[in-house]
Amino acid sequence: MTKVFYLLLFLSSSTDPTYYNKGMYFMSEGECELSKPIAIEVMRREAEAVGITDMHIDAHCIEMDVKEYKKTITS
């Protein structure tokens, strides 16, 4: 088993009843915490680009055990 940290981003808005979530995996909690503000800002810009306003974004680093960890093409 490998421990990874999953950054879960969850967006909600009072102007749109839809909820959005996405996340990324990191090898350390520190790396996850450092990336959190950037990921929140990217999600905020993506939401604004599609007209979502008055948004709230929750972001949490969650420790997980995985059987196999593969880096993504963009990492």
PDB file of N, CA and C in Angstrom:
ATOM      1  N   MET A   1       0.836  -1.185   0.000  1.00  0.00           N
ATOM      2  CA  MET A   1       0.000   0.000   0.000  1.00  0.00           C
ATOM      3  C   MET A   1       0.882   1.249   0.000  1.00  0.00           C
ATOM      4  N   THR A   2       0.435   2.262  -0.688  1.00  0.00           N
ATOM      5  CA  THR A   2       1.116   3.546  -0.744  1.00  0.00           C
ATOM      6  C   THR A   2       0.194   4.605  -0.180  1.00  0.00           C
ATOM      7  N   LYS A   3       0.728   5.479   0.669  1.00  0.00           N
ATOM      8  CA  LYS A   3      -0.077   6.586   1.182  1.00  0.00           C
ATOM      9  C   LYS A   3       0.043   7.759   0.225  1.00  0.00           C
ATOM     10  N   VAL A   4      -1.086   8.334  -0.150  1.00  0.00           N
ATOM     11  CA  VAL A   4      -1.114   9.538  -0.964  1.00  0.00           C
ATOM     12  C   VAL A   4      -2.055  10.537  -0.297  1.00  0.00           C
ATOM     13  N   PHE A   5      -1.961  11.769  -0.724  1.00  0.00           N
ATOM     14  CA  PHE A   5      -2.844  12.813  -0.215  1.00  0.00           C
ATOM     15  C   PHE A   5      -3.683  13.321  -1.376  1.00  0.00           C
ATOM     16  N   TYR A   6      -4.983  13.252  -1.195  1.00  0.00           N
ATOM     17  CA  TYR A   6      -5.928  13.654  -2.229  1.00  0.00           C
ATOM     18  C   TYR A   6      -6.465  15.023  -1.880  1.00  0.00           C
ATOM     19  N   LEU A   7      -6.296  15.982  -2.787  1.00  0.00           N
ATOM     20  CA  LEU A   7      -6.856  17.316  -2.589  1.00  0.00           C
ATOM     21  C   LEU A   7      -8.236  17.328  -3.215  1.00  0.00           C
ATOM     22  N   LEU A   8      -9.247  17.344  -2.378  1.00  0.00           N
ATOM     23  CA  LEU A   8     -10.629  17.374  -2.842  1.00  0.00           C
ATOM     24  C   LEU A   8     -11.094  18.821  -2.873  1.00  0.00           C
ATOM     25  N   LEU A   9     -11.557  19.258  -4.029  1.00  0.00           N
ATOM     26  CA  LEU A   9     -12.113  20.600  -4.207  1.00  0.00           C
ATOM     27  C   LEU A   9     -13.598  20.452  -4.477  1.00  0.00           C
ATOM     28  N   PHE A  10     -14.402  21.167  -3.712  1.00  0.00           N
ATOM     29  CA  PHE A  10     -15.851  21.061  -3.836  1.00  0.00           C
ATOM     30  C   PHE A  10     -16.417  22.467  -3.952  1.00  0.00           C
ATOM     31  N   LEU A  11     -17.078  22.773  -5.070  1.00  0.00           N
ATOM     32  CA  LEU A  11     -17.620  24.098  -5.320  1.00  0.00           C
ATOM     33  C   LEU A  11     -19.138  24.075  -5.218  1.00  0.00           C
ATOM     34  N   SER A  12     -19.691  25.048  -4.516  1.00  0.00           N
ATOM     35  CA  SER A  12     -21.136  25.226  -4.478  1.00  0.00           C
ATOM     36  C   SER A  12     -21.425  26.701  -4.725  1.00  0.00           C
ATOM     37  N   SER A  13     -22.619  26.994  -5.197  1.00  0.00           N
ATOM     38  CA  SER A  13     -22.977  28.368  -5.524  1.00  0.00           C
ATOM     39  C   SER A  13     -24.458  28.595  -5.269  1.00  0.00           C
ATOM     40  N   SER A  14     -24.784  29.788  -4.780  1.00  0.00           N
ATOM     41  CA  SER A  14     -26.196  30.093  -4.544  1.00  0.00           C
ATOM     42  C   SER A  14     -26.904  30.456  -5.840  1.00  0.00           C
ATOM     43  N   THR A  15     -26.137  30.770  -6.905  1.00  0.00           N
ATOM     44  CA  THR A  15     -26.758  31.143  -8.177  1.00  0.00           C
ATOM     45  C   THR A  15     -26.926  29.952  -9.117  1.00  0.00           C
ATOM     46  N   ASP A  16     -26.346  28.818  -8.762  1.00  0.00           N
ATOM     47  CA  ASP A  16     -26.436  27.626  -9.606  1.00  0.00           C
ATOM     48  C   ASP A  16     -26.610  26.432  -8.679  1.00  0.00           C
ATOM     49  N   PRO A  17     -27.709  25.677  -8.814  1.00  0.00           N
ATOM     50  CA  PRO A  17     -27.956  24.565  -7.888  1.00  0.00           C
ATOM     51  C   PRO A  17     -27.027  23.366  -8.095  1.00  0.00           C
ATOM     52  N   THR A  18     -26.146  23.443  -9.096  1.00  0.00           N
ATOM     53  CA  THR A  18     -25.239  22.338  -9.382  1.00  0.00           C
ATOM     54  C   THR A  18     -24.006  22.424  -8.495  1.00  0.00           C
ATOM     55  N   TYR A  19     -23.489  21.288  -8.089  1.00  0.00           N
ATOM     56  CA  TYR A  19     -22.263  21.221  -7.312  1.00  0.00           C
ATOM     57  C   TYR A  19     -21.183  20.577  -8.168  1.00  0.00           C
ATOM     58  N   TYR A  20     -19.969  21.082  -8.035  1.00  0.00           N
ATOM     59  CA  TYR A  20     -18.857  20.566  -8.816  1.00  0.00           C
ATOM     60  C   TYR A  20     -17.774  20.087  -7.876  1.00  0.00           C
ATOM     61  N   ASN A  21     -17.101  19.022  -8.237  1.00  0.00           N
ATOM     62  CA  ASN A  21     -15.946  18.617  -7.438  1.00  0.00           C
ATOM     63  C   ASN A  21     -14.876  18.052  -8.355  1.00  0.00           C
ATOM     64  N   LYS A  22     -13.645  18.204  -7.938  1.00  0.00           N
ATOM     65  CA  LYS A  22     -12.509  17.621  -8.635  1.00  0.00           C
ATOM     66  C   LYS A  22     -11.377  17.499  -7.636  1.00  0.00           C
ATOM     67  N   GLY A  23     -10.328  16.803  -8.010  1.00  0.00           N
ATOM     68  CA  GLY A  23      -9.236  16.628  -7.076  1.00  0.00           C
ATOM     69  C   GLY A  23      -7.951  16.220  -7.752  1.00  0.00           C
ATOM     70  N   MET A  24      -6.881  16.222  -6.955  1.00  0.00           N
ATOM     71  CA  MET A  24      -5.557  15.855  -7.430  1.00  0.00           C
ATOM     72  C   MET A  24      -4.862  15.037  -6.354  1.00  0.00           C
ATOM     73  N   TYR A  25      -3.912  14.210  -6.761  1.00  0.00           N
ATOM     74  CA  TYR A  25      -3.154  13.384  -5.820  1.00  0.00           C
ATOM     75  C   TYR A  25      -1.748  13.946  -5.622  1.00  0.00           C
ATOM     76  N   PHE A  26      -1.245  13.847  -4.391  1.00  0.00           N
ATOM     77  CA  PHE A  26       0.107  14.291  -4.050  1.00  0.00           C
ATOM     78  C   PHE A  26       0.771  13.235  -3.180  1.00  0.00           C
ATOM     79  N   MET A  27       2.091  13.230  -3.172  1.00  0.00           N
ATOM     80  CA  MET A  27       2.839  12.234  -2.401  1.00  0.00           C
ATOM     81  C   MET A  27       3.074  12.655  -0.956  1.00  0.00           C
ATOM     82  N   SER A  28       2.867  13.950  -0.622  1.00  0.00           N
ATOM     83  CA  SER A  28       3.051  14.398   0.761  1.00  0.00           C
ATOM     84  C   SER A  28       1.973  15.411   1.123  1.00  0.00           C
ATOM     85  N   GLU A  29       1.697  15.513   2.420  1.00  0.00           N
ATOM     86  CA  GLU A  29       0.703  16.470   2.887  1.00  0.00           C
ATOM     87  C   GLU A  29       1.168  17.896   2.618  1.00  0.00           C
ATOM     88  N   GLY A  30       2.475  18.141   2.778  1.00  0.00           N
ATOM     89  CA  GLY A  30       3.016  19.475   2.535  1.00  0.00           C
ATOM     90  C   GLY A  30       2.810  19.920   1.096  1.00  0.00           C
ATOM     91  N   GLU A  31       3.050  19.012   0.160  1.00  0.00           N
ATOM     92  CA  GLU A  31       2.850  19.309  -1.262  1.00  0.00           C
ATOM     93  C   GLU A  31       1.378  19.609  -1.541  1.00  0.00           C
ATOM     94  N   CYS A  32       0.511  18.857  -0.903  1.00  0.00           N
ATOM     95  CA  CYS A  32      -0.929  19.061  -1.061  1.00  0.00           C
ATOM     96  C   CYS A  32      -1.343  20.431  -0.527  1.00  0.00           C
ATOM     97  N   GLU A  33      -0.876  20.779   0.671  1.00  0.00           N
ATOM     98  CA  GLU A  33      -1.223  22.065   1.283  1.00  0.00           C
ATOM     99  C   GLU A  33      -0.684  23.238   0.470  1.00  0.00           C
ATOM    100  N   LEU A  34       0.527  23.095  -0.077  1.00  0.00           N
ATOM    101  CA  LEU A  34       1.110  24.164  -0.902  1.00  0.00           C
ATOM    102  C   LEU A  34       0.317  24.384  -2.190  1.00  0.00           C
ATOM    103  N   SER A  35      -0.223  23.327  -2.733  1.00  0.00           N
ATOM    104  CA  SER A  35      -0.962  23.413  -3.992  1.00  0.00           C
ATOM    105  C   SER A  35      -2.406  23.871  -3.806  1.00  0.00           C
ATOM    106  N   LYS A  36      -2.907  23.808  -2.583  1.00  0.00           N
ATOM    107  CA  LYS A  36      -4.315  24.115  -2.323  1.00  0.00           C
ATOM    108  C   LYS A  36      -4.729  25.520  -2.789  1.00  0.00           C
ATOM    109  N   PRO A  37      -4.010  26.602  -2.437  1.00  0.00           N
ATOM    110  CA  PRO A  37      -4.447  27.942  -2.872  1.00  0.00           C
ATOM    111  C   PRO A  37      -4.472  28.100  -4.396  1.00  0.00           C
ATOM    112  N   ILE A  38      -3.511  27.497  -5.075  1.00  0.00           N
ATOM    113  CA  ILE A  38      -3.468  27.582  -6.538  1.00  0.00           C
ATOM    114  C   ILE A  38      -4.654  26.839  -7.135  1.00  0.00           C
ATOM    115  N   ALA A  39      -4.929  25.649  -6.625  1.00  0.00           N
ATOM    116  CA  ALA A  39      -6.041  24.845  -7.137  1.00  0.00           C
ATOM    117  C   ALA A  39      -7.378  25.550  -6.911  1.00  0.00           C
ATOM    118  N   ILE A  40      -7.542  26.208  -5.764  1.00  0.00           N
ATOM    119  CA  ILE A  40      -8.772  26.957  -5.475  1.00  0.00           C
ATOM    120  C   ILE A  40      -8.937  28.095  -6.475  1.00  0.00           C
ATOM    121  N   GLU A  41      -7.862  28.824  -6.744  1.00  0.00           N
ATOM    122  CA  GLU A  41      -7.925  29.942  -7.688  1.00  0.00           C
ATOM    123  C   GLU A  41      -8.250  29.463  -9.097  1.00  0.00           C
ATOM    124  N   VAL A  42      -7.660  28.345  -9.528  1.00  0.00           N
ATOM    125  CA  VAL A  42      -7.957  27.791 -10.851  1.00  0.00           C
ATOM    126  C   VAL A  42      -9.429  27.412 -10.934  1.00  0.00           C
ATOM    127  N   MET A  43      -9.953  26.757  -9.897  1.00  0.00           N
ATOM    128  CA  MET A  43     -11.355  26.357  -9.902  1.00  0.00           C
ATOM    129  C   MET A  43     -12.270  27.587  -9.910  1.00  0.00           C
ATOM    130  N   ARG A  44     -11.885  28.633  -9.164  1.00  0.00           N
ATOM    131  CA  ARG A  44     -12.670  29.878  -9.130  1.00  0.00           C
ATOM    132  C   ARG A  44     -12.739  30.492 -10.541  1.00  0.00           C
ATOM    133  N   ARG A  45     -11.606  30.536 -11.223  1.00  0.00           N
ATOM    134  CA  ARG A  45     -11.575  31.099 -12.584  1.00  0.00           C
ATOM    135  C   ARG A  45     -12.396  30.264 -13.552  1.00  0.00           C
ATOM    136  N   GLU A  46     -12.319  28.938 -13.431  1.00  0.00           N
ATOM    137  CA  GLU A  46     -13.113  28.057 -14.303  1.00  0.00           C
ATOM    138  C   GLU A  46     -14.607  28.298 -14.075  1.00  0.00           C
ATOM    139  N   ALA A  47     -15.003  28.460 -12.830  1.00  0.00           N
ATOM    140  CA  ALA A  47     -16.415  28.693 -12.509  1.00  0.00           C
ATOM    141  C   ALA A  47     -16.875  30.043 -13.049  1.00  0.00           C
ATOM    142  N   GLU A  48     -16.050  31.069 -12.863  1.00  0.00           N
ATOM    143  CA  GLU A  48     -16.406  32.401 -13.373  1.00  0.00           C
ATOM    144  C   GLU A  48     -16.526  32.393 -14.888  1.00  0.00           C
ATOM    145  N   ALA A  49     -15.677  31.611 -15.566  1.00  0.00           N
ATOM    146  CA  ALA A  49     -15.692  31.545 -17.028  1.00  0.00           C
ATOM    147  C   ALA A  49     -17.003  30.988 -17.570  1.00  0.00           C
ATOM    148  N   VAL A  50     -17.662  30.137 -16.778  1.00  0.00           N
ATOM    149  CA  VAL A  50     -18.948  29.582 -17.222  1.00  0.00           C
ATOM    150  C   VAL A  50     -20.133  30.288 -16.564  1.00  0.00           C
ATOM    151  N   GLY A  51     -19.865  31.428 -15.905  1.00  0.00           N
ATOM    152  CA  GLY A  51     -20.939  32.262 -15.370  1.00  0.00           C
ATOM    153  C   GLY A  51     -21.386  31.952 -13.958  1.00  0.00           C
ATOM    154  N   ILE A  52     -20.641  31.150 -13.232  1.00  0.00           N
ATOM    155  CA  ILE A  52     -21.031  30.848 -11.850  1.00  0.00           C
ATOM    156  C   ILE A  52     -20.499  31.959 -10.944  1.00  0.00           C
ATOM    157  N   THR A  53     -21.394  32.572 -10.189  1.00  0.00           N
ATOM    158  CA  THR A  53     -21.011  33.642  -9.272  1.00  0.00           C
ATOM    159  C   THR A  53     -21.431  33.280  -7.850  1.00  0.00           C
ATOM    160  N   ASP A  54     -21.029  34.087  -6.899  1.00  0.00           N
ATOM    161  CA  ASP A  54     -21.361  33.868  -5.490  1.00  0.00           C
ATOM    162  C   ASP A  54     -21.031  32.433  -5.089  1.00  0.00           C
ATOM    163  N   MET A  55     -19.779  32.038  -5.343  1.00  0.00           N
ATOM    164  CA  MET A  55     -19.381  30.649  -5.140  1.00  0.00           C
ATOM    165  C   MET A  55     -18.658  30.450  -3.815  1.00  0.00           C
ATOM    166  N   HIS A  56     -18.669  29.234  -3.361  1.00  0.00           N
ATOM    167  CA  HIS A  56     -17.910  28.834  -2.176  1.00  0.00           C
ATOM    168  C   HIS A  56     -17.151  27.566  -2.537  1.00  0.00           C
ATOM    169  N   ILE A  57     -15.842  27.560  -2.242  1.00  0.00           N
ATOM    170  CA  ILE A  57     -15.019  26.397  -2.557  1.00  0.00           C
ATOM    171  C   ILE A  57     -14.419  25.849  -1.272  1.00  0.00           C
ATOM    172  N   ASP A  58     -14.700  24.589  -0.997  1.00  0.00           N
ATOM    173  CA  ASP A  58     -14.071  23.872   0.118  1.00  0.00           C
ATOM    174  C   ASP A  58     -12.920  23.063  -0.455  1.00  0.00           C
ATOM    175  N   ALA A  59     -11.798  23.040   0.253  1.00  0.00           N
ATOM    176  CA  ALA A  59     -10.652  22.251  -0.194  1.00  0.00           C
ATOM    177  C   ALA A  59     -10.053  21.542   1.007  1.00  0.00           C
ATOM    178  N   HIS A  60      -9.843  20.240   0.880  1.00  0.00           N
ATOM    179  CA  HIS A  60      -9.320  19.436   1.979  1.00  0.00           C
ATOM    180  C   HIS A  60      -8.292  18.445   1.456  1.00  0.00           C
ATOM    181  N   CYS A  61      -7.185  18.295   2.177  1.00  0.00           N
ATOM    182  CA  CYS A  61      -6.200  17.267   1.876  1.00  0.00           C
ATOM    183  C   CYS A  61      -6.566  16.031   2.685  1.00  0.00           C
ATOM    184  N   ILE A  62      -6.839  14.943   2.002  1.00  0.00           N
ATOM    185  CA  ILE A  62      -7.300  13.717   2.649  1.00  0.00           C
ATOM    186  C   ILE A  62      -6.250  12.631   2.436  1.00  0.00           C
ATOM    187  N   GLU A  63      -5.786  12.032   3.502  1.00  0.00           N
ATOM    188  CA  GLU A  63      -4.799  10.948   3.392  1.00  0.00           C
ATOM    189  C   GLU A  63      -5.506   9.663   2.999  1.00  0.00           C
ATOM    190  N   MET A  64      -4.937   8.962   2.011  1.00  0.00           N
ATOM    191  CA  MET A  64      -5.547   7.738   1.510  1.00  0.00           C
ATOM    192  C   MET A  64      -4.489   6.666   1.320  1.00  0.00           C
ATOM    193  N   ASP A  65      -4.900   5.436   1.393  1.00  0.00           N
ATOM    194  CA  ASP A  65      -4.040   4.305   1.042  1.00  0.00           C
ATOM    195  C   ASP A  65      -4.468   3.817  -0.332  1.00  0.00           C
ATOM    196  N   VAL A  66      -3.502   3.621  -1.204  1.00  0.00           N
ATOM    197  CA  VAL A  66      -3.816   3.092  -2.528  1.00  0.00           C
ATOM    198  C   VAL A  66      -2.923   1.891  -2.812  1.00  0.00           C
ATOM    199  N   LYS A  67      -3.413   0.973  -3.620  1.00  0.00           N
ATOM    200  CA  LYS A  67      -2.620  -0.211  -3.964  1.00  0.00           C
ATOM    201  C   LYS A  67      -1.535   0.133  -4.973  1.00  0.00           C
ATOM    202  N   GLU A  68      -1.856   1.077  -5.870  1.00  0.00           N
ATOM    203  CA  GLU A  68      -0.899   1.433  -6.912  1.00  0.00           C
ATOM    204  C   GLU A  68      -1.073   2.911  -7.221  1.00  0.00           C
ATOM    205  N   TYR A  69       0.028   3.611  -7.372  1.00  0.00           N
ATOM    206  CA  TYR A  69      -0.006   5.035  -7.668  1.00  0.00           C
ATOM    207  C   TYR A  69       0.733   5.270  -8.980  1.00  0.00           C
ATOM    208  N   LYS A  70       0.036   5.861  -9.947  1.00  0.00           N
ATOM    209  CA  LYS A  70       0.649   6.174 -11.236  1.00  0.00           C
ATOM    210  C   LYS A  70       0.556   7.671 -11.449  1.00  0.00           C
ATOM    211  N   LYS A  71       1.652   8.291 -11.828  1.00  0.00           N
ATOM    212  CA  LYS A  71       1.636   9.713 -12.121  1.00  0.00           C
ATOM    213  C   LYS A  71       0.826   9.965 -13.391  1.00  0.00           C
ATOM    214  N   THR A  72       0.168  11.124 -13.436  1.00  0.00           N
ATOM    215  CA  THR A  72      -0.581  11.483 -14.629  1.00  0.00           C
ATOM    216  C   THR A  72       0.375  12.060 -15.657  1.00  0.00           C
ATOM    217  N   ILE A  73      -0.091  12.182 -16.857  1.00  0.00           N
ATOM    218  CA  ILE A  73       0.735  12.700 -17.942  1.00  0.00           C
ATOM    219  C   ILE A  73       1.184  14.128 -17.641  1.00  0.00           C
ATOM    220  N   THR A  74       0.331  14.912 -17.015  1.00  0.00           N
ATOM    221  CA  THR A  74       0.638  16.321 -16.767  1.00  0.00           C
ATOM    222  C   THR A  74       1.449  16.562 -15.514  1.00  0.00           C
ATOM    223  N   SER A  75       1.800  15.543 -14.761  1.00  0.00           N
ATOM    224  CA  SER A  75       2.555  15.770 -13.522  1.00  0.00           C
ATOM    225  C   SER A  75       4.039  15.551 -13.719  1.00  0.00           C
TER     226      SER A  75
END
